Amino acid sequence: EFESVAQIKTWLASPEFTDLREIRHRSA
């Protein structure tokens, strides 16, 4: 849960998460 969909999109586009997303794509 986030305060808004806009906040989710900010998280999804953040450098911290985009680096981790690559790890997730390799493992799940």
PDB file of all heavy atoms in Angstrom:
ATOM      1  N   GLU A   1       0.844  -1.192   0.000  1.00  0.00           N
ATOM      2  CA  GLU A   1       0.000   0.000   0.000  1.00  0.00           C
ATOM      3  C   GLU A   1       0.883   1.246   0.000  1.00  0.00           C
ATOM      4  O   GLU A   1       1.861   1.314   0.750  1.00  0.00           O
ATOM      5  CB  GLU A   1      -0.883   0.016   1.240  1.00  0.00           C
ATOM      6  CG  GLU A   1      -1.777   1.233   1.331  1.00  0.00           C
ATOM      7  CD  GLU A   1      -2.621   1.233   2.595  1.00  0.00           C
ATOM      8  OE1 GLU A   1      -2.058   0.968   3.682  1.00  0.00           O
ATOM      9  OE2 GLU A   1      -3.828   1.482   2.484  1.00  0.00           O
ATOM     10  N   PHE A   2       0.525   2.206  -0.852  1.00  0.00           N
ATOM     11  CA  PHE A   2       1.176   3.510  -0.914  1.00  0.00           C
ATOM     12  C   PHE A   2       0.093   4.572  -0.771  1.00  0.00           C
ATOM     13  O   PHE A   2      -1.093   4.288  -0.927  1.00  0.00           O
ATOM     14  CB  PHE A   2       1.901   3.689  -2.249  1.00  0.00           C
ATOM     15  CG  PHE A   2       3.139   2.846  -2.404  1.00  0.00           C
ATOM     16  CD1 PHE A   2       3.046   1.505  -2.732  1.00  0.00           C
ATOM     17  CD2 PHE A   2       4.392   3.406  -2.231  1.00  0.00           C
ATOM     18  CE1 PHE A   2       4.183   0.729  -2.888  1.00  0.00           C
ATOM     19  CE2 PHE A   2       5.543   2.635  -2.386  1.00  0.00           C
ATOM     20  CZ  PHE A   2       5.439   1.294  -2.713  1.00  0.00           C
ATOM     21  N   GLU A   3       0.495   5.808  -0.534  1.00  0.00           N
ATOM     22  CA  GLU A   3      -0.474   6.888  -0.379  1.00  0.00           C
ATOM     23  C   GLU A   3      -1.231   7.177  -1.670  1.00  0.00           C
ATOM     24  O   GLU A   3      -2.364   7.649  -1.626  1.00  0.00           O
ATOM     25  CB  GLU A   3       0.218   8.153   0.117  1.00  0.00           C
ATOM     26  CG  GLU A   3       0.685   8.049   1.551  1.00  0.00           C
ATOM     27  CD  GLU A   3       1.373   9.305   2.034  1.00  0.00           C
ATOM     28  OE1 GLU A   3       1.230  10.368   1.395  1.00  0.00           O
ATOM     29  OE2 GLU A   3       2.066   9.222   3.060  1.00  0.00           O
ATOM     30  N   SER A   4      -0.610   6.887  -2.829  1.00  0.00           N
ATOM     31  CA  SER A   4      -1.252   7.166  -4.112  1.00  0.00           C
ATOM     32  C   SER A   4      -0.601   6.341  -5.211  1.00  0.00           C
ATOM     33  O   SER A   4       0.512   5.825  -5.049  1.00  0.00           O
ATOM     34  CB  SER A   4      -1.127   8.647  -4.464  1.00  0.00           C
ATOM     35  OG  SER A   4       0.235   8.971  -4.711  1.00  0.00           O
ATOM     36  N   VAL A   5      -1.287   6.266  -6.345  1.00  0.00           N
ATOM     37  CA  VAL A   5      -0.717   5.600  -7.514  1.00  0.00           C
ATOM     38  C   VAL A   5       0.500   6.389  -8.003  1.00  0.00           C
ATOM     39  O   VAL A   5       1.499   5.801  -8.427  1.00  0.00           O
ATOM     40  CB  VAL A   5      -1.782   5.432  -8.624  1.00  0.00           C
ATOM     41  CG1 VAL A   5      -1.143   4.979  -9.930  1.00  0.00           C
ATOM     42  CG2 VAL A   5      -2.854   4.430  -8.182  1.00  0.00           C
ATOM     43  N   ALA A   6       0.439   7.708  -7.923  1.00  0.00           N
ATOM     44  CA  ALA A   6       1.586   8.531  -8.328  1.00  0.00           C
ATOM     45  C   ALA A   6       2.818   8.182  -7.504  1.00  0.00           C
ATOM     46  O   ALA A   6       3.941   8.115  -8.036  1.00  0.00           O
ATOM     47  CB  ALA A   6       1.247  10.009  -8.187  1.00  0.00           C
ATOM     48  N   GLN A   7       2.640   7.934  -6.217  1.00  0.00           N
ATOM     49  CA  GLN A   7       3.756   7.559  -5.351  1.00  0.00           C
ATOM     50  C   GLN A   7       4.313   6.189  -5.764  1.00  0.00           C
ATOM     51  O   GLN A   7       5.532   5.982  -5.739  1.00  0.00           O
ATOM     52  CB  GLN A   7       3.282   7.538  -3.899  1.00  0.00           C
ATOM     53  CG  GLN A   7       4.393   7.446  -2.888  1.00  0.00           C
ATOM     54  CD  GLN A   7       3.868   7.589  -1.468  1.00  0.00           C
ATOM     55  OE1 GLN A   7       2.670   7.472  -1.214  1.00  0.00           O
ATOM     56  NE2 GLN A   7       4.761   7.839  -0.544  1.00  0.00           N
ATOM     57  N   ILE A   8       3.452   5.277  -6.168  1.00  0.00           N
ATOM     58  CA  ILE A   8       3.903   3.968  -6.649  1.00  0.00           C
ATOM     59  C   ILE A   8       4.776   4.148  -7.879  1.00  0.00           C
ATOM     60  O   ILE A   8       5.848   3.548  -7.999  1.00  0.00           O
ATOM     61  CB  ILE A   8       2.708   3.051  -6.974  1.00  0.00           C
ATOM     62  CG1 ILE A   8       1.955   2.686  -5.711  1.00  0.00           C
ATOM     63  CG2 ILE A   8       3.177   1.797  -7.715  1.00  0.00           C
ATOM     64  CD1 ILE A   8       0.608   2.017  -5.962  1.00  0.00           C
ATOM     65  N   LYS A   9       4.319   4.978  -8.806  1.00  0.00           N
ATOM     66  CA  LYS A   9       5.067   5.179 -10.057  1.00  0.00           C
ATOM     67  C   LYS A   9       6.421   5.830  -9.795  1.00  0.00           C
ATOM     68  O   LYS A   9       7.406   5.508 -10.456  1.00  0.00           O
ATOM     69  CB  LYS A   9       4.220   5.966 -11.041  1.00  0.00           C
ATOM     70  CG  LYS A   9       3.048   5.126 -11.530  1.00  0.00           C
ATOM     71  CD  LYS A   9       2.196   5.851 -12.530  1.00  0.00           C
ATOM     72  CE  LYS A   9       1.060   4.915 -12.977  1.00  0.00           C
ATOM     73  NZ  LYS A   9       0.216   5.544 -13.993  1.00  0.00           N
ATOM     74  N   THR A  10       6.486   6.711  -8.790  1.00  0.00           N
ATOM     75  CA  THR A  10       7.775   7.296  -8.403  1.00  0.00           C
ATOM     76  C   THR A  10       8.697   6.209  -7.871  1.00  0.00           C
ATOM     77  O   THR A  10       9.886   6.159  -8.211  1.00  0.00           O
ATOM     78  CB  THR A  10       7.570   8.401  -7.343  1.00  0.00           C
ATOM     79  OG1 THR A  10       6.762   9.431  -7.915  1.00  0.00           O
ATOM     80  CG2 THR A  10       8.893   8.983  -6.876  1.00  0.00           C
ATOM     81  N   TRP A  11       8.169   5.329  -7.031  1.00  0.00           N
ATOM     82  CA  TRP A  11       8.967   4.213  -6.501  1.00  0.00           C
ATOM     83  C   TRP A  11       9.442   3.309  -7.633  1.00  0.00           C
ATOM     84  O   TRP A  11      10.617   2.953  -7.693  1.00  0.00           O
ATOM     85  CB  TRP A  11       8.146   3.425  -5.484  1.00  0.00           C
ATOM     86  CG  TRP A  11       8.741   2.095  -5.100  1.00  0.00           C
ATOM     87  CD1 TRP A  11       9.929   1.884  -4.448  1.00  0.00           C
ATOM     88  CD2 TRP A  11       8.196   0.813  -5.364  1.00  0.00           C
ATOM     89  NE1 TRP A  11      10.138   0.532  -4.278  1.00  0.00           N
ATOM     90  CE2 TRP A  11       9.085  -0.143  -4.838  1.00  0.00           C
ATOM     91  CE3 TRP A  11       7.028   0.369  -5.987  1.00  0.00           C
ATOM     92  CZ2 TRP A  11       8.850  -1.514  -4.921  1.00  0.00           C
ATOM     93  CZ3 TRP A  11       6.786  -0.991  -6.055  1.00  0.00           C
ATOM     94  CH2 TRP A  11       7.699  -1.914  -5.530  1.00  0.00           C
ATOM     95  N   LEU A  12       8.534   2.944  -8.537  1.00  0.00           N
ATOM     96  CA  LEU A  12       8.894   2.044  -9.637  1.00  0.00           C
ATOM     97  C   LEU A  12       9.986   2.625 -10.538  1.00  0.00           C
ATOM     98  O   LEU A  12      10.789   1.884 -11.099  1.00  0.00           O
ATOM     99  CB  LEU A  12       7.660   1.709 -10.473  1.00  0.00           C
ATOM    100  CG  LEU A  12       6.612   0.821  -9.804  1.00  0.00           C
ATOM    101  CD1 LEU A  12       5.353   0.752 -10.656  1.00  0.00           C
ATOM    102  CD2 LEU A  12       7.170  -0.571  -9.544  1.00  0.00           C
ATOM    103  N   ALA A  13      10.020   3.949 -10.671  1.00  0.00           N
ATOM    104  CA  ALA A  13      11.004   4.606 -11.530  1.00  0.00           C
ATOM    105  C   ALA A  13      12.285   4.994 -10.791  1.00  0.00           C
ATOM    106  O   ALA A  13      13.243   5.448 -11.417  1.00  0.00           O
ATOM    107  CB  ALA A  13      10.384   5.853 -12.149  1.00  0.00           C
ATOM    108  N   SER A  14      12.315   4.786  -9.481  1.00  0.00           N
ATOM    109  CA  SER A  14      13.481   5.198  -8.695  1.00  0.00           C
ATOM    110  C   SER A  14      14.703   4.350  -9.052  1.00  0.00           C
ATOM    111  O   SER A  14      14.579   3.156  -9.350  1.00  0.00           O
ATOM    112  CB  SER A  14      13.189   5.078  -7.200  1.00  0.00           C
ATOM    113  OG  SER A  14      13.120   3.716  -6.804  1.00  0.00           O
ATOM    114  N   PRO A  15      15.887   4.953  -9.028  1.00  0.00           N
ATOM    115  CA  PRO A  15      17.111   4.189  -9.323  1.00  0.00           C
ATOM    116  C   PRO A  15      17.299   2.997  -8.385  1.00  0.00           C
ATOM    117  O   PRO A  15      17.769   1.946  -8.805  1.00  0.00           O
ATOM    118  CB  PRO A  15      18.237   5.214  -9.138  1.00  0.00           C
ATOM    119  CG  PRO A  15      17.581   6.545  -9.256  1.00  0.00           C
ATOM    120  CD  PRO A  15      16.161   6.361  -8.787  1.00  0.00           C
ATOM    121  N   GLU A  16      16.910   3.171  -7.114  1.00  0.00           N
ATOM    122  CA  GLU A  16      17.076   2.079  -6.144  1.00  0.00           C
ATOM    123  C   GLU A  16      16.262   0.854  -6.569  1.00  0.00           C
ATOM    124  O   GLU A  16      16.740  -0.277  -6.478  1.00  0.00           O
ATOM    125  CB  GLU A  16      16.621   2.495  -4.740  1.00  0.00           C
ATOM    126  CG  GLU A  16      17.225   3.761  -4.206  1.00  0.00           C
ATOM    127  CD  GLU A  16      16.448   5.009  -4.636  1.00  0.00           C
ATOM    128  OE1 GLU A  16      15.256   4.911  -4.933  1.00  0.00           O
ATOM    129  OE2 GLU A  16      17.070   6.083  -4.689  1.00  0.00           O
ATOM    130  N   PHE A  17      15.019   1.096  -7.014  1.00  0.00           N
ATOM    131  CA  PHE A  17      14.188  -0.039  -7.387  1.00  0.00           C
ATOM    132  C   PHE A  17      14.545  -0.576  -8.768  1.00  0.00           C
ATOM    133  O   PHE A  17      14.528  -1.790  -8.968  1.00  0.00           O
ATOM    134  CB  PHE A  17      12.701   0.290  -7.332  1.00  0.00           C
ATOM    135  CG  PHE A  17      11.852  -0.903  -7.674  1.00  0.00           C
ATOM    136  CD1 PHE A  17      11.722  -1.948  -6.785  1.00  0.00           C
ATOM    137  CD2 PHE A  17      11.235  -1.011  -8.907  1.00  0.00           C
ATOM    138  CE1 PHE A  17      10.982  -3.079  -7.102  1.00  0.00           C
ATOM    139  CE2 PHE A  17      10.492  -2.132  -9.243  1.00  0.00           C
ATOM    140  CZ  PHE A  17      10.369  -3.170  -8.327  1.00  0.00           C
ATOM    141  N   THR A  18      14.855   0.280  -9.726  1.00  0.00           N
ATOM    142  CA  THR A  18      15.137  -0.227 -11.070  1.00  0.00           C
ATOM    143  C   THR A  18      16.355  -1.146 -11.069  1.00  0.00           C
ATOM    144  O   THR A  18      16.388  -2.124 -11.810  1.00  0.00           O
ATOM    145  CB  THR A  18      15.292   0.908 -12.099  1.00  0.00           C
ATOM    146  OG1 THR A  18      16.295   1.817 -11.651  1.00  0.00           O
ATOM    147  CG2 THR A  18      13.992   1.644 -12.315  1.00  0.00           C
ATOM    148  N   ASP A  19      17.350  -0.847 -10.230  1.00  0.00           N
ATOM    149  CA  ASP A  19      18.495  -1.761 -10.104  1.00  0.00           C
ATOM    150  C   ASP A  19      18.051  -3.112  -9.549  1.00  0.00           C
ATOM    151  O   ASP A  19      18.484  -4.167 -10.024  1.00  0.00           O
ATOM    152  CB  ASP A  19      19.566  -1.164  -9.199  1.00  0.00           C
ATOM    153  CG  ASP A  19      20.289   0.014  -9.831  1.00  0.00           C
ATOM    154  OD1 ASP A  19      20.153   0.225 -11.054  1.00  0.00           O
ATOM    155  OD2 ASP A  19      20.976   0.742  -9.088  1.00  0.00           O
ATOM    156  N   LEU A  20      17.179  -3.082  -8.546  1.00  0.00           N
ATOM    157  CA  LEU A  20      16.692  -4.331  -7.951  1.00  0.00           C
ATOM    158  C   LEU A  20      15.777  -5.095  -8.901  1.00  0.00           C
ATOM    159  O   LEU A  20      15.755  -6.329  -8.892  1.00  0.00           O
ATOM    160  CB  LEU A  20      15.966  -4.046  -6.638  1.00  0.00           C
ATOM    161  CG  LEU A  20      16.846  -3.585  -5.487  1.00  0.00           C
ATOM    162  CD1 LEU A  20      15.993  -3.252  -4.276  1.00  0.00           C
ATOM    163  CD2 LEU A  20      17.884  -4.641  -5.146  1.00  0.00           C
ATOM    164  N   ARG A  21      15.022  -4.370  -9.715  1.00  0.00           N
ATOM    165  CA  ARG A  21      14.112  -5.033 -10.661  1.00  0.00           C
ATOM    166  C   ARG A  21      14.891  -5.971 -11.593  1.00  0.00           C
ATOM    167  O   ARG A  21      14.419  -7.053 -11.926  1.00  0.00           O
ATOM    168  CB  ARG A  21      13.339  -4.002 -11.471  1.00  0.00           C
ATOM    169  CG  ARG A  21      12.303  -4.643 -12.356  1.00  0.00           C
ATOM    170  CD  ARG A  21      11.568  -3.697 -13.265  1.00  0.00           C
ATOM    171  NE  ARG A  21      11.650  -2.313 -12.871  1.00  0.00           N
ATOM    172  CZ  ARG A  21      10.623  -1.474 -12.884  1.00  0.00           C
ATOM    173  NH1 ARG A  21       9.449  -1.872 -13.265  1.00  0.00           N
ATOM    174  NH2 ARG A  21      10.785  -0.228 -12.546  1.00  0.00           N
ATOM    175  N   GLU A  22      16.092  -5.570 -11.979  1.00  0.00           N
ATOM    176  CA  GLU A  22      16.921  -6.433 -12.834  1.00  0.00           C
ATOM    177  C   GLU A  22      17.252  -7.746 -12.121  1.00  0.00           C
ATOM    178  O   GLU A  22      17.257  -8.807 -12.737  1.00  0.00           O
ATOM    179  CB  GLU A  22      18.188  -5.696 -13.255  1.00  0.00           C
ATOM    180  CG  GLU A  22      17.929  -4.512 -14.153  1.00  0.00           C
ATOM    181  CD  GLU A  22      17.128  -4.869 -15.398  1.00  0.00           C
ATOM    182  OE1 GLU A  22      17.404  -5.903 -16.028  1.00  0.00           O
ATOM    183  OE2 GLU A  22      16.187  -4.118 -15.718  1.00  0.00           O
ATOM    184  N   ILE A  23      17.521  -7.666 -10.826  1.00  0.00           N
ATOM    185  CA  ILE A  23      17.781  -8.887 -10.049  1.00  0.00           C
ATOM    186  C   ILE A  23      16.527  -9.751 -10.019  1.00  0.00           C
ATOM    187  O   ILE A  23      16.594 -10.961 -10.200  1.00  0.00           O
ATOM    188  CB  ILE A  23      18.241  -8.531  -8.617  1.00  0.00           C
ATOM    189  CG1 ILE A  23      19.572  -7.803  -8.663  1.00  0.00           C
ATOM    190  CG2 ILE A  23      18.326  -9.782  -7.739  1.00  0.00           C
ATOM    191  CD1 ILE A  23      19.993  -7.182  -7.345  1.00  0.00           C
ATOM    192  N   ARG A  24      15.372  -9.115  -9.801  1.00  0.00           N
ATOM    193  CA  ARG A  24      14.119  -9.885  -9.786  1.00  0.00           C
ATOM    194  C   ARG A  24      13.857 -10.537 -11.127  1.00  0.00           C
ATOM    195  O   ARG A  24      13.435 -11.697 -11.192  1.00  0.00           O
ATOM    196  CB  ARG A  24      12.942  -9.001  -9.386  1.00  0.00           C
ATOM    197  CG  ARG A  24      11.719  -9.853  -9.033  1.00  0.00           C
ATOM    198  CD  ARG A  24      10.435  -9.112  -9.001  1.00  0.00           C
ATOM    199  NE  ARG A  24      10.048  -8.802 -10.365  1.00  0.00           N
ATOM    200  CZ  ARG A  24       9.467  -7.669 -10.740  1.00  0.00           C
ATOM    201  NH1 ARG A  24       9.214  -6.725  -9.889  1.00  0.00           N
ATOM    202  NH2 ARG A  24       9.146  -7.481 -11.998  1.00  0.00           N
ATOM    203  N   HIS A  25      14.116  -9.835 -12.210  1.00  0.00           N
ATOM    204  CA  HIS A  25      13.886 -10.419 -13.541  1.00  0.00           C
ATOM    205  C   HIS A  25      14.761 -11.647 -13.782  1.00  0.00           C
ATOM    206  O   HIS A  25      14.353 -12.565 -14.496  1.00  0.00           O
ATOM    207  CB  HIS A  25      14.148  -9.381 -14.629  1.00  0.00           C
ATOM    208  CG  HIS A  25      13.059  -8.361 -14.732  1.00  0.00           C
ATOM    209  ND1 HIS A  25      13.179  -7.241 -15.513  1.00  0.00           N
ATOM    210  CD2 HIS A  25      11.837  -8.270 -14.151  1.00  0.00           C
ATOM    211  CE1 HIS A  25      12.074  -6.517 -15.419  1.00  0.00           C
ATOM    212  NE2 HIS A  25      11.251  -7.126 -14.584  1.00  0.00           N
ATOM    213  N   ARG A  26      15.947 -11.667 -13.193  1.00  0.00           N
ATOM    214  CA  ARG A  26      16.838 -12.825 -13.346  1.00  0.00           C
ATOM    215  C   ARG A  26      16.442 -13.997 -12.452  1.00  0.00           C
ATOM    216  O   ARG A  26      16.868 -15.119 -12.677  1.00  0.00           O
ATOM    217  CB  ARG A  26      18.281 -12.425 -13.025  1.00  0.00           C
ATOM    218  CG  ARG A  26      18.908 -11.512 -14.042  1.00  0.00           C
ATOM    219  CD  ARG A  26      20.435 -11.414 -13.892  1.00  0.00           C
ATOM    220  NE  ARG A  26      20.920 -11.356 -12.525  1.00  0.00           N
ATOM    221  CZ  ARG A  26      21.205 -10.236 -11.857  1.00  0.00           C
ATOM    222  NH1 ARG A  26      21.019  -9.065 -12.421  1.00  0.00           N
ATOM    223  NH2 ARG A  26      21.671 -10.285 -10.626  1.00  0.00           N
ATOM    224  N   SER A  27      15.634 -13.736 -11.428  1.00  0.00           N
ATOM    225  CA  SER A  27      15.393 -14.770 -10.434  1.00  0.00           C
ATOM    226  C   SER A  27      13.924 -15.139 -10.230  1.00  0.00           C
ATOM    227  O   SER A  27      13.624 -16.029  -9.434  1.00  0.00           O
ATOM    228  CB  SER A  27      15.972 -14.323  -9.091  1.00  0.00           C
ATOM    229  OG  SER A  27      15.333 -13.141  -8.647  1.00  0.00           O
ATOM    230  N   ALA A  28      13.013 -14.463 -10.948  1.00  0.00           N
ATOM    231  CA  ALA A  28      11.589 -14.737 -10.740  1.00  0.00           C
ATOM    232  C   ALA A  28      10.787 -14.231 -11.934  1.00  0.00           C
ATOM    233  O   ALA A  28      11.248 -13.372 -12.679  1.00  0.00           O
ATOM    234  CB  ALA A  28      11.101 -14.045  -9.461  1.00  0.00           C
TER     235      ALA A  28
END
